[in-house]
Every structure is written in structure tokens, then in C-alpha cells.
PDB file of all heavy atoms in Angstrom:
ATOM      1  N   PHE A   1       1.914  -9.136  -2.172  1.00  0.00           N
ATOM      2  CA  PHE A   1       0.738  -9.232  -1.311  1.00  0.00           C
ATOM      3  C   PHE A   1      -0.236  -8.117  -1.686  1.00  0.00           C
ATOM      4  O   PHE A   1       0.080  -7.229  -2.474  1.00  0.00           O
ATOM      5  CB  PHE A   1       1.098  -9.184   0.176  1.00  0.00           C
ATOM      6  CG  PHE A   1       1.772  -7.919   0.638  1.00  0.00           C
ATOM      7  CD1 PHE A   1       1.032  -6.837   1.102  1.00  0.00           C
ATOM      8  CD2 PHE A   1       3.160  -7.826   0.657  1.00  0.00           C
ATOM      9  CE1 PHE A   1       1.654  -5.677   1.553  1.00  0.00           C
ATOM     10  CE2 PHE A   1       3.800  -6.669   1.110  1.00  0.00           C
ATOM     11  CZ  PHE A   1       3.041  -5.598   1.559  1.00  0.00           C
ATOM     12  N   SER A   2      -1.419  -8.190  -1.126  1.00  0.00           N
ATOM     13  CA  SER A   2      -2.468  -7.201  -1.394  1.00  0.00           C
ATOM     14  C   SER A   2      -2.964  -6.608  -0.085  1.00  0.00           C
ATOM     15  O   SER A   2      -2.953  -7.269   0.957  1.00  0.00           O
ATOM     16  CB  SER A   2      -3.649  -7.847  -2.131  1.00  0.00           C
ATOM     17  OG  SER A   2      -3.256  -8.400  -3.363  1.00  0.00           O
ATOM     18  N   ILE A   3      -3.424  -5.369  -0.181  1.00  0.00           N
ATOM     19  CA  ILE A   3      -4.071  -4.692   0.953  1.00  0.00           C
ATOM     20  C   ILE A   3      -5.375  -4.109   0.434  1.00  0.00           C
ATOM     21  O   ILE A   3      -5.390  -3.459  -0.622  1.00  0.00           O
ATOM     22  CB  ILE A   3      -3.167  -3.593   1.534  1.00  0.00           C
ATOM     23  CG1 ILE A   3      -1.979  -4.223   2.260  1.00  0.00           C
ATOM     24  CG2 ILE A   3      -3.945  -2.675   2.467  1.00  0.00           C
ATOM     25  CD1 ILE A   3      -1.042  -3.230   2.911  1.00  0.00           C
ATOM     26  N   ARG A   4      -6.457  -4.337   1.171  1.00  0.00           N
ATOM     27  CA  ARG A   4      -7.764  -3.882   0.690  1.00  0.00           C
ATOM     28  C   ARG A   4      -8.524  -3.163   1.788  1.00  0.00           C
ATOM     29  O   ARG A   4      -8.547  -3.598   2.941  1.00  0.00           O
ATOM     30  CB  ARG A   4      -8.577  -5.077   0.187  1.00  0.00           C
ATOM     31  CG  ARG A   4     -10.011  -4.715  -0.210  1.00  0.00           C
ATOM     32  CD  ARG A   4     -10.774  -5.895  -0.755  1.00  0.00           C
ATOM     33  NE  ARG A   4     -10.299  -6.242  -2.091  1.00  0.00           N
ATOM     34  CZ  ARG A   4     -10.791  -7.260  -2.783  1.00  0.00           C
ATOM     35  NH1 ARG A   4     -11.734  -8.029  -2.263  1.00  0.00           N
ATOM     36  NH2 ARG A   4     -10.332  -7.513  -3.994  1.00  0.00           N
ATOM     37  N   ASP A   5      -9.155  -2.047   1.393  1.00  0.00           N
ATOM     38  CA  ASP A   5     -10.146  -1.347   2.219  1.00  0.00           C
ATOM     39  C   ASP A   5      -9.602  -0.916   3.575  1.00  0.00           C
ATOM     40  O   ASP A   5     -10.253  -1.083   4.620  1.00  0.00           O
ATOM     41  CB  ASP A   5     -11.401  -2.219   2.400  1.00  0.00           C
ATOM     42  CG  ASP A   5     -12.131  -2.419   1.083  1.00  0.00           C
ATOM     43  OD1 ASP A   5     -12.080  -1.503   0.239  1.00  0.00           O
ATOM     44  OD2 ASP A   5     -12.732  -3.487   0.886  1.00  0.00           O
ATOM     45  N   THR A   6      -8.390  -0.363   3.595  1.00  0.00           N
ATOM     46  CA  THR A   6      -7.871   0.195   4.837  1.00  0.00           C
ATOM     47  C   THR A   6      -8.599   1.497   5.167  1.00  0.00           C
ATOM     48  O   THR A   6      -9.041   2.228   4.282  1.00  0.00           O
ATOM     49  CB  THR A   6      -6.362   0.492   4.726  1.00  0.00           C
ATOM     50  OG1 THR A   6      -6.158   1.454   3.687  1.00  0.00           O
ATOM     51  CG2 THR A   6      -5.584  -0.750   4.409  1.00  0.00           C
ATOM     52  N   LYS A   7      -8.679   1.786   6.444  1.00  0.00           N
ATOM     53  CA  LYS A   7      -9.299   3.052   6.861  1.00  0.00           C
ATOM     54  C   LYS A   7      -8.432   4.230   6.454  1.00  0.00           C
ATOM     55  O   LYS A   7      -8.939   5.289   6.065  1.00  0.00           O
ATOM     56  CB  LYS A   7      -9.517   3.045   8.380  1.00  0.00           C
ATOM     57  CG  LYS A   7     -10.209   4.300   8.882  1.00  0.00           C
ATOM     58  CD  LYS A   7     -10.477   4.222  10.382  1.00  0.00           C
ATOM     59  CE  LYS A   7     -11.193   5.481  10.870  1.00  0.00           C
ATOM     60  NZ  LYS A   7     -11.476   5.437  12.326  1.00  0.00           N
ATOM     61  N   GLY A   8      -7.108   4.057   6.568  1.00  0.00           N
ATOM     62  CA  GLY A   8      -6.188   5.128   6.195  1.00  0.00           C
ATOM     63  C   GLY A   8      -5.385   4.743   4.968  1.00  0.00           C
ATOM     64  O   GLY A   8      -5.885   4.093   4.053  1.00  0.00           O
ATOM     65  N   ASP A   9      -4.108   5.140   4.956  1.00  0.00           N
ATOM     66  CA  ASP A   9      -3.255   4.830   3.817  1.00  0.00           C
ATOM     67  C   ASP A   9      -3.028   3.324   3.699  1.00  0.00           C
ATOM     68  O   ASP A   9      -3.118   2.584   4.678  1.00  0.00           O
ATOM     69  CB  ASP A   9      -1.901   5.531   3.983  1.00  0.00           C
ATOM     70  CG  ASP A   9      -2.047   7.037   4.139  1.00  0.00           C
ATOM     71  OD1 ASP A   9      -2.911   7.626   3.463  1.00  0.00           O
ATOM     72  OD2 ASP A   9      -1.296   7.623   4.954  1.00  0.00           O
ATOM     73  N   GLY A  10      -2.685   2.894   2.474  1.00  0.00           N
ATOM     74  CA  GLY A  10      -2.396   1.481   2.276  1.00  0.00           C
ATOM     75  C   GLY A  10      -1.037   1.103   2.837  1.00  0.00           C
ATOM     76  O   GLY A  10      -0.938   0.444   3.868  1.00  0.00           O
ATOM     77  N   ILE A  11       0.044   1.513   2.154  1.00  0.00           N
ATOM     78  CA  ILE A  11       1.409   1.256   2.619  1.00  0.00           C
ATOM     79  C   ILE A  11       2.153   2.582   2.622  1.00  0.00           C
ATOM     80  O   ILE A  11       2.265   3.237   1.575  1.00  0.00           O
ATOM     81  CB  ILE A  11       2.148   0.260   1.716  1.00  0.00           C
ATOM     82  CG1 ILE A  11       1.316  -1.002   1.477  1.00  0.00           C
ATOM     83  CG2 ILE A  11       3.501  -0.096   2.319  1.00  0.00           C
ATOM     84  CD1 ILE A  11       1.888  -1.923   0.418  1.00  0.00           C
ATOM     85  N   LYS A  12       2.681   2.974   3.747  1.00  0.00           N
ATOM     86  CA  LYS A  12       3.466   4.207   3.856  1.00  0.00           C
ATOM     87  C   LYS A  12       4.873   3.868   4.318  1.00  0.00           C
ATOM     88  O   LYS A  12       5.076   3.003   5.168  1.00  0.00           O
ATOM     89  CB  LYS A  12       2.828   5.181   4.851  1.00  0.00           C
ATOM     90  CG  LYS A  12       3.624   6.480   5.005  1.00  0.00           C
ATOM     91  CD  LYS A  12       2.949   7.460   5.950  1.00  0.00           C
ATOM     92  CE  LYS A  12       3.742   8.751   6.061  1.00  0.00           C
ATOM     93  NZ  LYS A  12       3.106   9.748   6.954  1.00  0.00           N
ATOM     94  N   SER A  13       5.857   4.544   3.717  1.00  0.00           N
ATOM     95  CA  SER A  13       7.232   4.459   4.214  1.00  0.00           C
ATOM     96  C   SER A  13       7.760   5.879   4.361  1.00  0.00           C
ATOM     97  O   SER A  13       7.477   6.750   3.531  1.00  0.00           O
ATOM     98  CB  SER A  13       8.113   3.641   3.271  1.00  0.00           C
ATOM     99  OG  SER A  13       8.093   4.161   1.953  1.00  0.00           O
ATOM    100  N   LYS A  14       8.526   6.098   5.411  1.00  0.00           N
ATOM    101  CA  LYS A  14       9.061   7.434   5.698  1.00  0.00           C
ATOM    102  C   LYS A  14      10.515   7.312   6.119  1.00  0.00           C
ATOM    103  O   LYS A  14      10.842   6.535   7.020  1.00  0.00           O
ATOM    104  CB  LYS A  14       8.241   8.111   6.804  1.00  0.00           C
ATOM    105  CG  LYS A  14       8.683   9.540   7.087  1.00  0.00           C
ATOM    106  CD  LYS A  14       7.747  10.200   8.097  1.00  0.00           C
ATOM    107  CE  LYS A  14       8.159  11.651   8.339  1.00  0.00           C
ATOM    108  NZ  LYS A  14       7.266  12.320   9.316  1.00  0.00           N
ATOM    109  N   GLY A  15      11.366   8.064   5.455  1.00  0.00           N
ATOM    110  CA  GLY A  15      12.780   7.987   5.772  1.00  0.00           C
ATOM    111  C   GLY A  15      13.332   6.601   5.524  1.00  0.00           C
ATOM    112  O   GLY A  15      14.247   6.162   6.234  1.00  0.00           O
ATOM    113  N   ALA A  16      12.815   5.916   4.522  1.00  0.00           N
ATOM    114  CA  ALA A  16      13.213   4.528   4.237  1.00  0.00           C
ATOM    115  C   ALA A  16      13.966   4.502   2.905  1.00  0.00           C
ATOM    116  O   ALA A  16      13.354   4.409   1.837  1.00  0.00           O
ATOM    117  CB  ALA A  16      11.986   3.632   4.189  1.00  0.00           C
ATOM    118  N   ASP A  17      15.270   4.603   2.974  1.00  0.00           N
ATOM    119  CA  ASP A  17      16.086   4.642   1.765  1.00  0.00           C
ATOM    120  C   ASP A  17      16.207   3.256   1.136  1.00  0.00           C
ATOM    121  O   ASP A  17      16.180   2.242   1.825  1.00  0.00           O
ATOM    122  CB  ASP A  17      17.491   5.173   2.100  1.00  0.00           C
ATOM    123  CG  ASP A  17      17.466   6.618   2.580  1.00  0.00           C
ATOM    124  OD1 ASP A  17      16.444   7.304   2.355  1.00  0.00           O
ATOM    125  OD2 ASP A  17      18.467   7.058   3.186  1.00  0.00           O
ATOM    126  N   ARG A  18      16.344   3.268  -0.188  1.00  0.00           N
ATOM    127  CA  ARG A  18      16.517   2.045  -0.982  1.00  0.00           C
ATOM    128  C   ARG A  18      15.352   1.074  -0.804  1.00  0.00           C
ATOM    129  O   ARG A  18      15.524  -0.139  -0.837  1.00  0.00           O
ATOM    130  CB  ARG A  18      17.860   1.362  -0.651  1.00  0.00           C
ATOM    131  CG  ARG A  18      19.072   2.245  -0.986  1.00  0.00           C
ATOM    132  CD  ARG A  18      20.370   1.647  -0.503  1.00  0.00           C
ATOM    133  NE  ARG A  18      20.389   1.453   0.945  1.00  0.00           N
ATOM    134  CZ  ARG A  18      20.628   2.424   1.834  1.00  0.00           C
ATOM    135  NH1 ARG A  18      20.888   3.662   1.427  1.00  0.00           N
ATOM    136  NH2 ARG A  18      20.623   2.160   3.124  1.00  0.00           N
ATOM    137  N   ILE A  19      14.157   1.618  -0.664  1.00  0.00           N
ATOM    138  CA  ILE A  19      12.979   0.774  -0.499  1.00  0.00           C
ATOM    139  C   ILE A  19      12.508   0.282  -1.865  1.00  0.00           C
ATOM    140  O   ILE A  19      12.693   0.945  -2.890  1.00  0.00           O
ATOM    141  CB  ILE A  19      11.852   1.522   0.241  1.00  0.00           C
ATOM    142  CG1 ILE A  19      10.763   0.541   0.675  1.00  0.00           C
ATOM    143  CG2 ILE A  19      11.279   2.655  -0.618  1.00  0.00           C
ATOM    144  CD1 ILE A  19       9.822   1.094   1.708  1.00  0.00           C
ATOM    145  N   ILE A  20      11.872  -0.894  -1.878  1.00  0.00           N
ATOM    146  CA  ILE A  20      11.286  -1.468  -3.082  1.00  0.00           C
ATOM    147  C   ILE A  20       9.829  -1.817  -2.804  1.00  0.00           C
ATOM    148  O   ILE A  20       9.523  -2.547  -1.855  1.00  0.00           O
ATOM    149  CB  ILE A  20      12.038  -2.740  -3.528  1.00  0.00           C
ATOM    150  CG1 ILE A  20      13.500  -2.430  -3.872  1.00  0.00           C
ATOM    151  CG2 ILE A  20      11.324  -3.385  -4.724  1.00  0.00           C
ATOM    152  CD1 ILE A  20      14.330  -3.680  -4.179  1.00  0.00           C
ATOM    153  N   TYR A  21       8.933  -1.269  -3.630  1.00  0.00           N
ATOM    154  CA  TYR A  21       7.539  -1.700  -3.663  1.00  0.00           C
ATOM    155  C   TYR A  21       7.384  -2.488  -4.967  1.00  0.00           C
ATOM    156  O   TYR A  21       7.508  -1.920  -6.059  1.00  0.00           O
ATOM    157  CB  TYR A  21       6.599  -0.503  -3.724  1.00  0.00           C
ATOM    158  CG  TYR A  21       6.509   0.359  -2.493  1.00  0.00           C
ATOM    159  CD1 TYR A  21       7.469   1.322  -2.197  1.00  0.00           C
ATOM    160  CD2 TYR A  21       5.399   0.258  -1.643  1.00  0.00           C
ATOM    161  CE1 TYR A  21       7.354   2.145  -1.084  1.00  0.00           C
ATOM    162  CE2 TYR A  21       5.270   1.083  -0.532  1.00  0.00           C
ATOM    163  CZ  TYR A  21       6.248   2.014  -0.262  1.00  0.00           C
ATOM    164  OH  TYR A  21       6.114   2.835   0.834  1.00  0.00           O
ATOM    165  N   ARG A  22       7.072  -3.781  -4.887  1.00  0.00           N
ATOM    166  CA  ARG A  22       7.052  -4.613  -6.103  1.00  0.00           C
ATOM    167  C   ARG A  22       5.917  -5.644  -6.032  1.00  0.00           C
ATOM    168  O   ARG A  22       5.706  -6.282  -5.004  1.00  0.00           O
ATOM    169  CB  ARG A  22       8.395  -5.327  -6.258  1.00  0.00           C
ATOM    170  CG  ARG A  22       8.473  -6.278  -7.452  1.00  0.00           C
ATOM    171  CD  ARG A  22       9.808  -6.994  -7.513  1.00  0.00           C
ATOM    172  NE  ARG A  22      10.877  -6.088  -7.919  1.00  0.00           N
ATOM    173  CZ  ARG A  22      12.109  -6.102  -7.397  1.00  0.00           C
ATOM    174  NH1 ARG A  22      12.411  -6.961  -6.422  1.00  0.00           N
ATOM    175  NH2 ARG A  22      13.026  -5.269  -7.835  1.00  0.00           N
ATOM    176  N   ASP A  23       5.184  -5.792  -7.136  1.00  0.00           N
ATOM    177  CA  ASP A  23       4.149  -6.833  -7.256  1.00  0.00           C
ATOM    178  C   ASP A  23       3.141  -6.742  -6.116  1.00  0.00           C
ATOM    179  O   ASP A  23       2.894  -7.710  -5.384  1.00  0.00           O
ATOM    180  CB  ASP A  23       4.784  -8.229  -7.298  1.00  0.00           C
ATOM    181  CG  ASP A  23       5.717  -8.411  -8.487  1.00  0.00           C
ATOM    182  OD1 ASP A  23       5.446  -7.821  -9.549  1.00  0.00           O
ATOM    183  OD2 ASP A  23       6.728  -9.127  -8.353  1.00  0.00           O
ATOM    184  N   LEU A  24       2.539  -5.559  -5.984  1.00  0.00           N
ATOM    185  CA  LEU A  24       1.577  -5.299  -4.910  1.00  0.00           C
ATOM    186  C   LEU A  24       0.243  -4.843  -5.485  1.00  0.00           C
ATOM    187  O   LEU A  24       0.186  -4.287  -6.586  1.00  0.00           O
ATOM    188  CB  LEU A  24       2.104  -4.201  -3.975  1.00  0.00           C
ATOM    189  CG  LEU A  24       3.462  -4.446  -3.312  1.00  0.00           C
ATOM    190  CD1 LEU A  24       3.969  -3.161  -2.673  1.00  0.00           C
ATOM    191  CD2 LEU A  24       3.347  -5.560  -2.277  1.00  0.00           C
ATOM    192  N   ILE A  25      -0.824  -5.063  -4.730  1.00  0.00           N
ATOM    193  CA  ILE A  25      -2.130  -4.488  -5.032  1.00  0.00           C
ATOM    194  C   ILE A  25      -2.635  -3.791  -3.771  1.00  0.00           C
ATOM    195  O   ILE A  25      -2.655  -4.383  -2.689  1.00  0.00           O
ATOM    196  CB  ILE A  25      -3.150  -5.559  -5.457  1.00  0.00           C
ATOM    197  CG1 ILE A  25      -2.692  -6.262  -6.740  1.00  0.00           C
ATOM    198  CG2 ILE A  25      -4.528  -4.928  -5.666  1.00  0.00           C
ATOM    199  CD1 ILE A  25      -3.565  -7.434  -7.131  1.00  0.00           C
ATOM    200  N   VAL A  26      -3.002  -2.527  -3.925  1.00  0.00           N
ATOM    201  CA  VAL A  26      -3.652  -1.781  -2.843  1.00  0.00           C
ATOM    202  C   VAL A  26      -4.941  -1.213  -3.423  1.00  0.00           C
ATOM    203  O   VAL A  26      -4.910  -0.501  -4.436  1.00  0.00           O
ATOM    204  CB  VAL A  26      -2.763  -0.646  -2.307  1.00  0.00           C
ATOM    205  CG1 VAL A  26      -3.484   0.106  -1.190  1.00  0.00           C
ATOM    206  CG2 VAL A  26      -1.428  -1.196  -1.808  1.00  0.00           C
ATOM    207  N   GLU A  27      -6.077  -1.528  -2.803  1.00  0.00           N
ATOM    208  CA  GLU A  27      -7.334  -1.095  -3.406  1.00  0.00           C
ATOM    209  C   GLU A  27      -8.418  -0.870  -2.366  1.00  0.00           C
ATOM    210  O   GLU A  27      -8.396  -1.438  -1.274  1.00  0.00           O
ATOM    211  CB  GLU A  27      -7.812  -2.113  -4.439  1.00  0.00           C
ATOM    212  CG  GLU A  27      -8.104  -3.499  -3.887  1.00  0.00           C
ATOM    213  CD  GLU A  27      -8.471  -4.481  -4.975  1.00  0.00           C
ATOM    214  OE1 GLU A  27      -8.699  -4.060  -6.131  1.00  0.00           O
ATOM    215  OE2 GLU A  27      -8.537  -5.695  -4.679  1.00  0.00           O
ATOM    216  N   TRP A  28      -9.331   0.015  -2.756  1.00  0.00           N
ATOM    217  CA  TRP A  28     -10.561   0.237  -2.003  1.00  0.00           C
ATOM    218  C   TRP A  28     -11.703  -0.199  -2.904  1.00  0.00           C
ATOM    219  O   TRP A  28     -11.831   0.289  -4.044  1.00  0.00           O
ATOM    220  CB  TRP A  28     -10.701   1.700  -1.606  1.00  0.00           C
ATOM    221  CG  TRP A  28      -9.747   2.087  -0.514  1.00  0.00           C
ATOM    222  CD1 TRP A  28     -10.011   2.100   0.820  1.00  0.00           C
ATOM    223  CD2 TRP A  28      -8.373   2.500  -0.653  1.00  0.00           C
ATOM    224  NE1 TRP A  28      -8.885   2.484   1.533  1.00  0.00           N
ATOM    225  CE2 TRP A  28      -7.868   2.740   0.647  1.00  0.00           C
ATOM    226  CE3 TRP A  28      -7.526   2.691  -1.741  1.00  0.00           C
ATOM    227  CZ2 TRP A  28      -6.565   3.160   0.886  1.00  0.00           C
ATOM    228  CZ3 TRP A  28      -6.223   3.106  -1.520  1.00  0.00           C
ATOM    229  CH2 TRP A  28      -5.754   3.329  -0.216  1.00  0.00           C
ATOM    230  N   SER A  29     -12.508  -1.133  -2.438  1.00  0.00           N
ATOM    231  CA  SER A  29     -13.573  -1.685  -3.259  1.00  0.00           C
ATOM    232  C   SER A  29     -14.772  -0.737  -3.280  1.00  0.00           C
ATOM    233  O   SER A  29     -14.884   0.181  -2.474  1.00  0.00           O
ATOM    234  CB  SER A  29     -13.975  -3.059  -2.729  1.00  0.00           C
ATOM    235  OG  SER A  29     -14.352  -2.975  -1.367  1.00  0.00           O
ATOM    236  N   GLY A  30     -15.672  -0.981  -4.219  1.00  0.00           N
ATOM    237  CA  GLY A  30     -16.863  -0.153  -4.330  1.00  0.00           C
ATOM    238  C   GLY A  30     -16.627   1.087  -5.164  1.00  0.00           C
ATOM    239  O   GLY A  30     -15.582   1.264  -5.792  1.00  0.00           O
ATOM    240  N   GLU A  31     -17.594   1.981  -5.166  1.00  0.00           N
ATOM    241  CA  GLU A  31     -17.511   3.214  -5.936  1.00  0.00           C
ATOM    242  C   GLU A  31     -16.519   4.180  -5.286  1.00  0.00           C
ATOM    243  O   GLU A  31     -16.231   4.080  -4.089  1.00  0.00           O
ATOM    244  CB  GLU A  31     -18.890   3.871  -6.017  1.00  0.00           C
ATOM    245  CG  GLU A  31     -19.924   3.058  -6.787  1.00  0.00           C
ATOM    246  CD  GLU A  31     -19.543   2.871  -8.228  1.00  0.00           C
ATOM    247  OE1 GLU A  31     -19.119   3.859  -8.863  1.00  0.00           O
ATOM    248  OE2 GLU A  31     -19.645   1.735  -8.728  1.00  0.00           O
TER     249      GLU A  31
END
């Protein structure tokens, strides 16, 4: 999946063992 133009962080994990981030797009458009 994709996440675009969030006000804060895109995807955050904390204390999450054995996590997988795979085939993702996180972006802020523009300059």
C-alpha cells in the first residue's frame, strides 16, 4: 500500500518485534 502527504510520520512501529515493511510507498508530494 501507499501513504501520501501525512502531516506527521508515515508509518511508525515501536516495540514491534519481527516486523516486516514490504512493497510500500511513503511520500510527500511537491518540492
